[in-house]
C-alpha cells in the first residue's frame, strides 16, 4: 500500500506539540526554596485555589514563578516593604 502524497499547498498537521510547547524549565537545575510549614501550606492552598479556576496544572512552583513576575511589576520598593512586613 502506498500513501498518497500531500496536496499542493496542504499543511501537514503535527502529531505532537512537544516541539511547539517545550517545557523551558526542565533543562535548568532545580532551585531549592526554603519555606516554613505555614508558607508551604499557604503556597499549596493558593495553588489549589488557582487550579480550581483553570484546567492547566498549577503547582507550588508555578505559583512561585508567577510571583516573580508580579514582584517585578510592583517594583523593588514594594518588595522591600513586603519583606520587612512578613519576613
PDB file of N, CA and C in Angstrom:
ATOM      1  N   UNK A   1       0.850  -1.169   0.000  1.00  0.00           N
ATOM      2  CA  UNK A   1       0.000   0.000   0.000  1.00  0.00           C
ATOM      3  C   UNK A   1       0.896   1.234   0.000  1.00  0.00           C
ATOM      4  N   UNK A   2       0.574   2.184  -0.836  1.00  0.00           N
ATOM      5  CA  UNK A   2       1.362   3.395  -0.967  1.00  0.00           C
ATOM      6  C   UNK A   2       0.529   4.564  -0.471  1.00  0.00           C
ATOM      7  N   UNK A   3       1.149   5.362   0.395  1.00  0.00           N
ATOM      8  CA  UNK A   3       0.461   6.536   0.925  1.00  0.00           C
ATOM      9  C   UNK A   3       0.459   7.623  -0.132  1.00  0.00           C
ATOM     10  N   UNK A   4      -0.691   8.253  -0.376  1.00  0.00           N
ATOM     11  CA  UNK A   4      -0.720   9.327  -1.367  1.00  0.00           C
ATOM     12  C   UNK A   4       0.057  10.539  -0.865  1.00  0.00           C
ATOM     13  N   UNK A   5       0.626  11.301  -1.776  1.00  0.00           N
ATOM     14  CA  UNK A   5       1.371  12.497  -1.411  1.00  0.00           C
ATOM     15  C   UNK A   5       0.447  13.606  -0.941  1.00  0.00           C
ATOM     16  N   UNK A   6       1.024  14.614  -0.294  1.00  0.00           N
ATOM     17  CA  UNK A   6       0.244  15.756   0.165  1.00  0.00           C
ATOM     18  C   UNK A   6      -0.234  16.576  -1.021  1.00  0.00           C
ATOM     19  N   UNK A   7      -1.406  17.140  -0.879  1.00  0.00           N
ATOM     20  CA  UNK A   7      -1.935  18.011  -1.924  1.00  0.00           C
ATOM     21  C   UNK A   7      -1.128  19.297  -1.956  1.00  0.00           C
ATOM     22  N   UNK A   8      -1.127  19.952  -3.088  1.00  0.00           N
ATOM     23  CA  UNK A   8      -0.385  21.201  -3.251  1.00  0.00           C
ATOM     24  C   UNK A   8      -0.892  22.243  -2.253  1.00  0.00           C
ATOM     25  N   UNK A   9      -0.004  22.843  -1.481  1.00  0.00           N
ATOM     26  CA  UNK A   9      -0.376  23.888  -0.533  1.00  0.00           C
ATOM     27  C   UNK A   9      -0.961  23.364   0.771  1.00  0.00           C
ATOM     28  N   UNK A  10      -1.024  22.065   0.941  1.00  0.00           N
ATOM     29  CA  UNK A  10      -1.591  21.485   2.154  1.00  0.00           C
ATOM     30  C   UNK A  10      -0.550  21.517   3.277  1.00  0.00           C
ATOM     31  N   UNK A  11      -0.978  21.895   4.452  1.00  0.00           N
ATOM     32  CA  UNK A  11      -0.090  21.932   5.613  1.00  0.00           C
ATOM     33  C   UNK A  11      -0.248  20.616   6.367  1.00  0.00           C
ATOM     34  N   UNK A  12       0.876  19.969   6.659  1.00  0.00           N
ATOM     35  CA  UNK A  12       0.830  18.697   7.379  1.00  0.00           C
ATOM     36  C   UNK A  12       0.585  18.971   8.862  1.00  0.00           C
ATOM     37  N   UNK A  13      -0.413  18.313   9.447  1.00  0.00           N
ATOM     38  CA  UNK A  13      -0.656  18.515  10.887  1.00  0.00           C
ATOM     39  C   UNK A  13       0.426  17.819  11.703  1.00  0.00           C
ATOM     40  N   UNK A  14       0.736  18.392  12.851  1.00  0.00           N
ATOM     41  CA  UNK A  14       1.727  17.796  13.735  1.00  0.00           C
ATOM     42  C   UNK A  14       1.086  16.654  14.510  1.00  0.00           C
ATOM     43  N   UNK A  15       1.833  15.611  14.719  1.00  0.00           N
ATOM     44  CA  UNK A  15       1.351  14.508  15.543  1.00  0.00           C
ATOM     45  C   UNK A  15       1.480  14.837  17.024  1.00  0.00           C
ATOM     46  N   UNK A  16       2.397  15.733  17.343  1.00  0.00           N
ATOM     47  CA  UNK A  16       2.649  16.088  18.732  1.00  0.00           C
ATOM     48  C   UNK A  16       2.978  17.570  18.803  1.00  0.00           C
ATOM     49  N   UNK A  17       2.696  18.188  19.936  1.00  0.00           N
ATOM     50  CA  UNK A  17       3.045  19.594  20.104  1.00  0.00           C
ATOM     51  C   UNK A  17       4.235  19.759  21.042  1.00  0.00           C
ATOM     52  N   UNK A  18       5.037  18.714  21.222  1.00  0.00           N
ATOM     53  CA  UNK A  18       6.177  18.758  22.136  1.00  0.00           C
ATOM     54  C   UNK A  18       7.168  19.830  21.718  1.00  0.00           C
ATOM     55  N   UNK A  19       7.509  19.897  20.436  1.00  0.00           N
ATOM     56  CA  UNK A  19       8.468  20.905  19.988  1.00  0.00           C
ATOM     57  C   UNK A  19       7.876  22.303  20.058  1.00  0.00           C
ATOM     58  N   UNK A  20       6.573  22.421  19.874  1.00  0.00           N
ATOM     59  CA  UNK A  20       5.920  23.726  19.895  1.00  0.00           C
ATOM     60  C   UNK A  20       5.836  24.265  21.316  1.00  0.00           C
ATOM     61  N   UNK A  21       5.402  23.427  22.245  1.00  0.00           N
ATOM     62  CA  UNK A  21       5.195  23.853  23.631  1.00  0.00           C
ATOM     63  C   UNK A  21       6.206  23.197  24.564  1.00  0.00           C
ATOM     64  N   UNK A  22       7.468  23.269  24.228  1.00  0.00           N
ATOM     65  CA  UNK A  22       8.512  22.630  25.022  1.00  0.00           C
ATOM     66  C   UNK A  22       8.578  23.256  26.411  1.00  0.00           C
ATOM     67  N   UNK A  23       8.701  22.414  27.425  1.00  0.00           N
ATOM     68  CA  UNK A  23       8.820  22.895  28.793  1.00  0.00           C
ATOM     69  C   UNK A  23      10.202  23.520  28.965  1.00  0.00           C
ATOM     70  N   UNK A  24      10.248  24.800  29.229  1.00  0.00           N
ATOM     71  CA  UNK A  24      11.515  25.525  29.292  1.00  0.00           C
ATOM     72  C   UNK A  24      12.237  25.362  30.625  1.00  0.00           C
ATOM     73  N   UNK A  25      11.590  24.761  31.612  1.00  0.00           N
ATOM     74  CA  UNK A  25      12.236  24.654  32.924  1.00  0.00           C
ATOM     75  C   UNK A  25      12.952  23.332  33.135  1.00  0.00           C
ATOM     76  N   UNK A  26      12.729  22.342  32.288  1.00  0.00           N
ATOM     77  CA  UNK A  26      13.325  21.026  32.534  1.00  0.00           C
ATOM     78  C   UNK A  26      14.824  20.996  32.279  1.00  0.00           C
ATOM     79  N   UNK A  27      15.341  21.913  31.492  1.00  0.00           N
ATOM     80  CA  UNK A  27      16.775  21.908  31.202  1.00  0.00           C
ATOM     81  C   UNK A  27      17.586  22.646  32.273  1.00  0.00           C
ATOM     82  N   UNK A  28      16.918  23.293  33.194  1.00  0.00           N
ATOM     83  CA  UNK A  28      17.598  24.043  34.256  1.00  0.00           C
ATOM     84  C   UNK A  28      17.738  23.179  35.507  1.00  0.00           C
ATOM     85  N   UNK A  29      18.798  23.439  36.271  1.00  0.00           N
ATOM     86  CA  UNK A  29      18.956  22.751  37.551  1.00  0.00           C
ATOM     87  C   UNK A  29      17.892  23.252  38.521  1.00  0.00           C
ATOM     88  N   UNK A  30      17.334  22.362  39.351  1.00  0.00           N
ATOM     89  CA  UNK A  30      16.316  22.792  40.310  1.00  0.00           C
ATOM     90  C   UNK A  30      16.894  23.769  41.331  1.00  0.00           C
ATOM     91  N   UNK A  31      16.062  24.666  41.794  1.00  0.00           N
ATOM     92  CA  UNK A  31      16.480  25.650  42.789  1.00  0.00           C
ATOM     93  C   UNK A  31      15.771  25.321  44.100  1.00  0.00           C
ATOM     94  N   UNK A  32      16.535  25.232  45.169  1.00  0.00           N
ATOM     95  CA  UNK A  32      15.958  24.937  46.473  1.00  0.00           C
ATOM     96  C   UNK A  32      15.375  26.210  47.068  1.00  0.00           C
ATOM     97  N   UNK A  33      14.126  26.130  47.466  1.00  0.00           N
ATOM     98  CA  UNK A  33      13.470  27.259  48.123  1.00  0.00           C
ATOM     99  C   UNK A  33      13.058  26.782  49.506  1.00  0.00           C
ATOM    100  N   UNK A  34      13.586  27.414  50.521  1.00  0.00           N
ATOM    101  CA  UNK A  34      13.255  27.026  51.892  1.00  0.00           C
ATOM    102  C   UNK A  34      12.043  27.827  52.351  1.00  0.00           C
ATOM    103  N   UNK A  35      11.056  27.100  52.875  1.00  0.00           N
ATOM    104  CA  UNK A  35       9.853  27.747  53.380  1.00  0.00           C
ATOM    105  C   UNK A  35       9.476  27.119  54.716  1.00  0.00           C
ATOM    106  N   UNK A  36       8.833  27.911  55.550  1.00  0.00           N
ATOM    107  CA  UNK A  36       8.308  27.385  56.807  1.00  0.00           C
ATOM    108  C   UNK A  36       7.102  26.503  56.488  1.00  0.00           C
ATOM    109  N   UNK A  37       6.698  25.660  57.425  1.00  0.00           N
ATOM    110  CA  UNK A  37       5.492  24.848  57.184  1.00  0.00           C
ATOM    111  C   UNK A  37       4.262  25.704  56.863  1.00  0.00           C
ATOM    112  N   UNK A  38       4.117  26.837  57.526  1.00  0.00           N
ATOM    113  CA  UNK A  38       2.973  27.717  57.257  1.00  0.00           C
ATOM    114  C   UNK A  38       3.033  28.274  55.832  1.00  0.00           C
ATOM    115  N   UNK A  39       4.236  28.609  55.366  1.00  0.00           N
ATOM    116  CA  UNK A  39       4.391  29.119  54.000  1.00  0.00           C
ATOM    117  C   UNK A  39       4.099  28.028  52.972  1.00  0.00           C
ATOM    118  N   UNK A  40       4.485  26.792  53.286  1.00  0.00           N
ATOM    119  CA  UNK A  40       4.187  25.673  52.384  1.00  0.00           C
ATOM    120  C   UNK A  40       2.683  25.462  52.264  1.00  0.00           C
ATOM    121  N   UNK A  41       1.987  25.538  53.392  1.00  0.00           N
ATOM    122  CA  UNK A  41       0.529  25.391  53.386  1.00  0.00           C
ATOM    123  C   UNK A  41      -0.104  26.536  52.604  1.00  0.00           C
ATOM    124  N   UNK A  42       0.399  27.757  52.800  1.00  0.00           N
ATOM    125  CA  UNK A  42      -0.117  28.918  52.081  1.00  0.00           C
ATOM    126  C   UNK A  42       0.086  28.755  50.573  1.00  0.00           C
ATOM    127  N   UNK A  43       1.243  28.297  50.175  1.00  0.00           N
ATOM    128  CA  UNK A  43       1.560  28.097  48.761  1.00  0.00           C
ATOM    129  C   UNK A  43       0.673  27.009  48.158  1.00  0.00           C
ATOM    130  N   UNK A  44       0.509  25.919  48.875  1.00  0.00           N
ATOM    131  CA  UNK A  44      -0.329  24.820  48.408  1.00  0.00           C
ATOM    132  C   UNK A  44      -1.789  25.253  48.292  1.00  0.00           C
ATOM    133  N   UNK A  45      -2.264  25.997  49.277  1.00  0.00           N
ATOM    134  CA  UNK A  45      -3.645  26.490  49.242  1.00  0.00           C
ATOM    135  C   UNK A  45      -3.884  27.436  48.084  1.00  0.00           C
ATOM    136  N   UNK A  46      -2.920  28.318  47.835  1.00  0.00           N
ATOM    137  CA  UNK A  46      -3.041  29.250  46.715  1.00  0.00           C
ATOM    138  C   UNK A  46      -3.023  28.501  45.387  1.00  0.00           C
ATOM    139  N   UNK A  47      -2.162  27.496  45.284  1.00  0.00           N
ATOM    140  CA  UNK A  47      -2.116  26.680  44.063  1.00  0.00           C
ATOM    141  C   UNK A  47      -3.450  25.968  43.846  1.00  0.00           C
ATOM    142  N   UNK A  48      -4.052  25.452  44.915  1.00  0.00           N
ATOM    143  CA  UNK A  48      -5.357  24.788  44.808  1.00  0.00           C
ATOM    144  C   UNK A  48      -6.447  25.765  44.378  1.00  0.00           C
ATOM    145  N   UNK A  49      -6.420  26.980  44.939  1.00  0.00           N
ATOM    146  CA  UNK A  49      -7.413  28.000  44.572  1.00  0.00           C
ATOM    147  C   UNK A  49      -7.305  28.369  43.097  1.00  0.00           C
ATOM    148  N   UNK A  50      -6.081  28.525  42.617  1.00  0.00           N
ATOM    149  CA  UNK A  50      -5.862  28.867  41.206  1.00  0.00           C
ATOM    150  C   UNK A  50      -6.237  27.683  40.321  1.00  0.00           C
ATOM    151  N   UNK A  51      -5.896  26.473  40.758  1.00  0.00           N
ATOM    152  CA  UNK A  51      -6.211  25.262  39.991  1.00  0.00           C
ATOM    153  C   UNK A  51      -7.712  25.130  39.770  1.00  0.00           C
ATOM    154  N   UNK A  52      -8.511  25.563  40.744  1.00  0.00           N
ATOM    155  CA  UNK A  52      -9.968  25.481  40.621  1.00  0.00           C
ATOM    156  C   UNK A  52     -10.498  26.381  39.502  1.00  0.00           C
ATOM    157  N   UNK A  53      -9.711  27.364  39.089  1.00  0.00           N
ATOM    158  CA  UNK A  53     -10.140  28.310  38.057  1.00  0.00           C
ATOM    159  C   UNK A  53      -9.716  27.907  36.650  1.00  0.00           C
ATOM    160  N   UNK A  54      -8.903  26.861  36.518  1.00  0.00           N
ATOM    161  CA  UNK A  54      -8.353  26.517  35.211  1.00  0.00           C
ATOM    162  C   UNK A  54      -8.202  25.010  35.058  1.00  0.00           C
ATOM    163  N   UNK A  55      -7.954  24.586  33.826  1.00  0.00           N
ATOM    164  CA  UNK A  55      -7.673  23.171  33.582  1.00  0.00           C
ATOM    165  C   UNK A  55      -6.170  22.918  33.530  1.00  0.00           C
ATOM    166  N   UNK A  56      -5.377  23.986  33.477  1.00  0.00           N
ATOM    167  CA  UNK A  56      -3.915  23.864  33.461  1.00  0.00           C
ATOM    168  C   UNK A  56      -3.450  23.409  34.839  1.00  0.00           C
ATOM    169  N   UNK A  57      -2.448  22.544  34.881  1.00  0.00           N
ATOM    170  CA  UNK A  57      -1.911  22.066  36.154  1.00  0.00           C
ATOM    171  C   UNK A  57      -1.135  23.188  36.837  1.00  0.00           C
ATOM    172  N   UNK A  58      -1.538  23.513  38.049  1.00  0.00           N
ATOM    173  CA  UNK A  58      -0.889  24.571  38.826  1.00  0.00           C
ATOM    174  C   UNK A  58      -0.218  23.925  40.032  1.00  0.00           C
ATOM    175  N   UNK A  59       1.073  24.164  40.173  1.00  0.00           N
ATOM    176  CA  UNK A  59       1.833  23.623  41.303  1.00  0.00           C
ATOM    177  C   UNK A  59       2.374  24.782  42.134  1.00  0.00           C
ATOM    178  N   UNK A  60       2.956  24.444  43.262  1.00  0.00           N
ATOM    179  CA  UNK A  60       3.593  25.467  44.085  1.00  0.00           C
ATOM    180  C   UNK A  60       4.697  26.178  43.327  1.00  0.00           C
ATOM    181  N   UNK A  61       5.421  25.432  42.523  1.00  0.00           N
ATOM    182  CA  UNK A  61       6.479  26.012  41.700  1.00  0.00           C
ATOM    183  C   UNK A  61       5.915  27.029  40.709  1.00  0.00           C
ATOM    184  N   UNK A  62       4.769  26.708  40.113  1.00  0.00           N
ATOM    185  CA  UNK A  62       4.125  27.627  39.173  1.00  0.00           C
ATOM    186  C   UNK A  62       3.718  28.913  39.884  1.00  0.00           C
ATOM    187  N   UNK A  63       3.192  28.771  41.098  1.00  0.00           N
ATOM    188  CA  UNK A  63       2.778  29.940  41.883  1.00  0.00           C
ATOM    189  C   UNK A  63       3.987  30.822  42.186  1.00  0.00           C
ATOM    190  N   UNK A  64       5.102  30.215  42.598  1.00  0.00           N
ATOM    191  CA  UNK A  64       6.296  30.997  42.918  1.00  0.00           C
ATOM    192  C   UNK A  64       6.865  31.685  41.679  1.00  0.00           C
ATOM    193  N   UNK A  65       6.844  30.998  40.544  1.00  0.00           N
ATOM    194  CA  UNK A  65       7.340  31.615  39.308  1.00  0.00           C
ATOM    195  C   UNK A  65       6.455  32.790  38.899  1.00  0.00           C
ATOM    196  N   UNK A  66       5.132  32.638  39.047  1.00  0.00           N
ATOM    197  CA  UNK A  66       4.219  33.741  38.728  1.00  0.00           C
ATOM    198  C   UNK A  66       4.446  34.915  39.681  1.00  0.00           C
ATOM    199  N   UNK A  67       4.760  34.600  40.940  1.00  0.00           N
ATOM    200  CA  UNK A  67       5.013  35.653  41.927  1.00  0.00           C
ATOM    201  C   UNK A  67       6.223  36.501  41.541  1.00  0.00           C
ATOM    202  N   UNK A  68       7.201  35.905  40.875  1.00  0.00           N
ATOM    203  CA  UNK A  68       8.361  36.672  40.415  1.00  0.00           C
ATOM    204  C   UNK A  68       7.941  37.758  39.421  1.00  0.00           C
ATOM    205  N   UNK A  69       7.029  37.414  38.526  1.00  0.00           N
ATOM    206  CA  UNK A  69       6.556  38.399  37.550  1.00  0.00           C
ATOM    207  C   UNK A  69       5.731  39.492  38.229  1.00  0.00           C
ATOM    208  N   UNK A  70       4.914  39.110  39.211  1.00  0.00           N
ATOM    209  CA  UNK A  70       4.149  40.108  39.963  1.00  0.00           C
ATOM    210  C   UNK A  70       5.087  41.032  40.738  1.00  0.00           C
ATOM    211  N   UNK A  71       6.132  40.461  41.317  1.00  0.00           N
ATOM    212  CA  UNK A  71       7.099  41.254  42.077  1.00  0.00           C
ATOM    213  C   UNK A  71       7.826  42.235  41.171  1.00  0.00           C
ATOM    214  N   UNK A  72       8.163  41.798  39.978  1.00  0.00           N
ATOM    215  CA  UNK A  72       8.856  42.689  39.042  1.00  0.00           C
ATOM    216  C   UNK A  72       7.961  43.861  38.649  1.00  0.00           C
ATOM    217  N   UNK A  73       6.662  43.591  38.477  1.00  0.00           N
ATOM    218  CA  UNK A  73       5.724  44.658  38.124  1.00  0.00           C
ATOM    219  C   UNK A  73       5.534  45.648  39.267  1.00  0.00           C
ATOM    220  N   UNK A  74       5.522  45.157  40.507  1.00  0.00           N
ATOM    221  CA  UNK A  74       5.275  46.047  41.639  1.00  0.00           C
ATOM    222  C   UNK A  74       6.492  46.886  42.006  1.00  0.00           C
ATOM    223  N   UNK A  75       7.675  46.433  41.643  1.00  0.00           N
ATOM    224  CA  UNK A  75       8.884  47.216  41.878  1.00  0.00           C
ATOM    225  C   UNK A  75       9.613  46.818  43.147  1.00  0.00           C
ATOM    226  N   UNK A  76      10.903  47.178  43.228  1.00  0.00           N
ATOM    227  CA  UNK A  76      11.722  46.774  44.376  1.00  0.00           C
ATOM    228  C   UNK A  76      11.299  47.423  45.696  1.00  0.00           C
ATOM    229  N   UNK A  77      10.765  48.636  45.646  1.00  0.00           N
ATOM    230  CA  UNK A  77      10.348  49.301  46.886  1.00  0.00           C
ATOM    231  C   UNK A  77       9.213  48.534  47.556  1.00  0.00           C
ATOM    232  N   UNK A  78       8.227  48.126  46.764  1.00  0.00           N
ATOM    233  CA  UNK A  78       7.095  47.367  47.297  1.00  0.00           C
ATOM    234  C   UNK A  78       7.565  46.003  47.816  1.00  0.00           C
ATOM    235  N   UNK A  79       8.508  45.385  47.109  1.00  0.00           N
ATOM    236  CA  UNK A  79       9.037  44.096  47.561  1.00  0.00           C
ATOM    237  C   UNK A  79       9.761  44.239  48.897  1.00  0.00           C
ATOM    238  N   UNK A  80      10.555  45.282  49.032  1.00  0.00           N
ATOM    239  CA  UNK A  80      11.265  45.514  50.285  1.00  0.00           C
ATOM    240  C   UNK A  80      10.274  45.732  51.422  1.00  0.00           C
ATOM    241  N   UNK A  81       9.207  46.462  51.152  1.00  0.00           N
ATOM    242  CA  UNK A  81       8.164  46.692  52.152  1.00  0.00           C
ATOM    243  C   UNK A  81       7.532  45.357  52.590  1.00  0.00           C
ATOM    244  N   UNK A  82       7.248  44.472  51.640  1.00  0.00           N
ATOM    245  CA  UNK A  82       6.663  43.167  51.951  1.00  0.00           C
ATOM    246  C   UNK A  82       7.646  42.299  52.741  1.00  0.00           C
ATOM    247  N   UNK A  83       8.915  42.353  52.381  1.00  0.00           N
ATOM    248  CA  UNK A  83       9.933  41.580  53.095  1.00  0.00           C
ATOM    249  C   UNK A  83      10.023  42.041  54.544  1.00  0.00           C
ATOM    250  N   UNK A  84      10.043  43.356  54.751  1.00  0.00           N
ATOM    251  CA  UNK A  84      10.127  43.883  56.113  1.00  0.00           C
ATOM    252  C   UNK A  84       8.889  43.522  56.926  1.00  0.00           C
ATOM    253  N   UNK A  85       7.719  43.525  56.279  1.00  0.00           N
ATOM    254  CA  UNK A  85       6.476  43.271  56.994  1.00  0.00           C
ATOM    255  C   UNK A  85       6.258  41.788  57.313  1.00  0.00           C
ATOM    256  N   UNK A  86       6.568  40.910  56.379  1.00  0.00           N
ATOM    257  CA  UNK A  86       6.223  39.498  56.544  1.00  0.00           C
ATOM    258  C   UNK A  86       7.399  38.564  56.799  1.00  0.00           C
ATOM    259  N   UNK A  87       8.603  38.955  56.438  1.00  0.00           N
ATOM    260  CA  UNK A  87       9.731  38.044  56.605  1.00  0.00           C
ATOM    261  C   UNK A  87      10.684  38.627  57.590  1.00  0.00           C
TER     262      UNK A  87
END
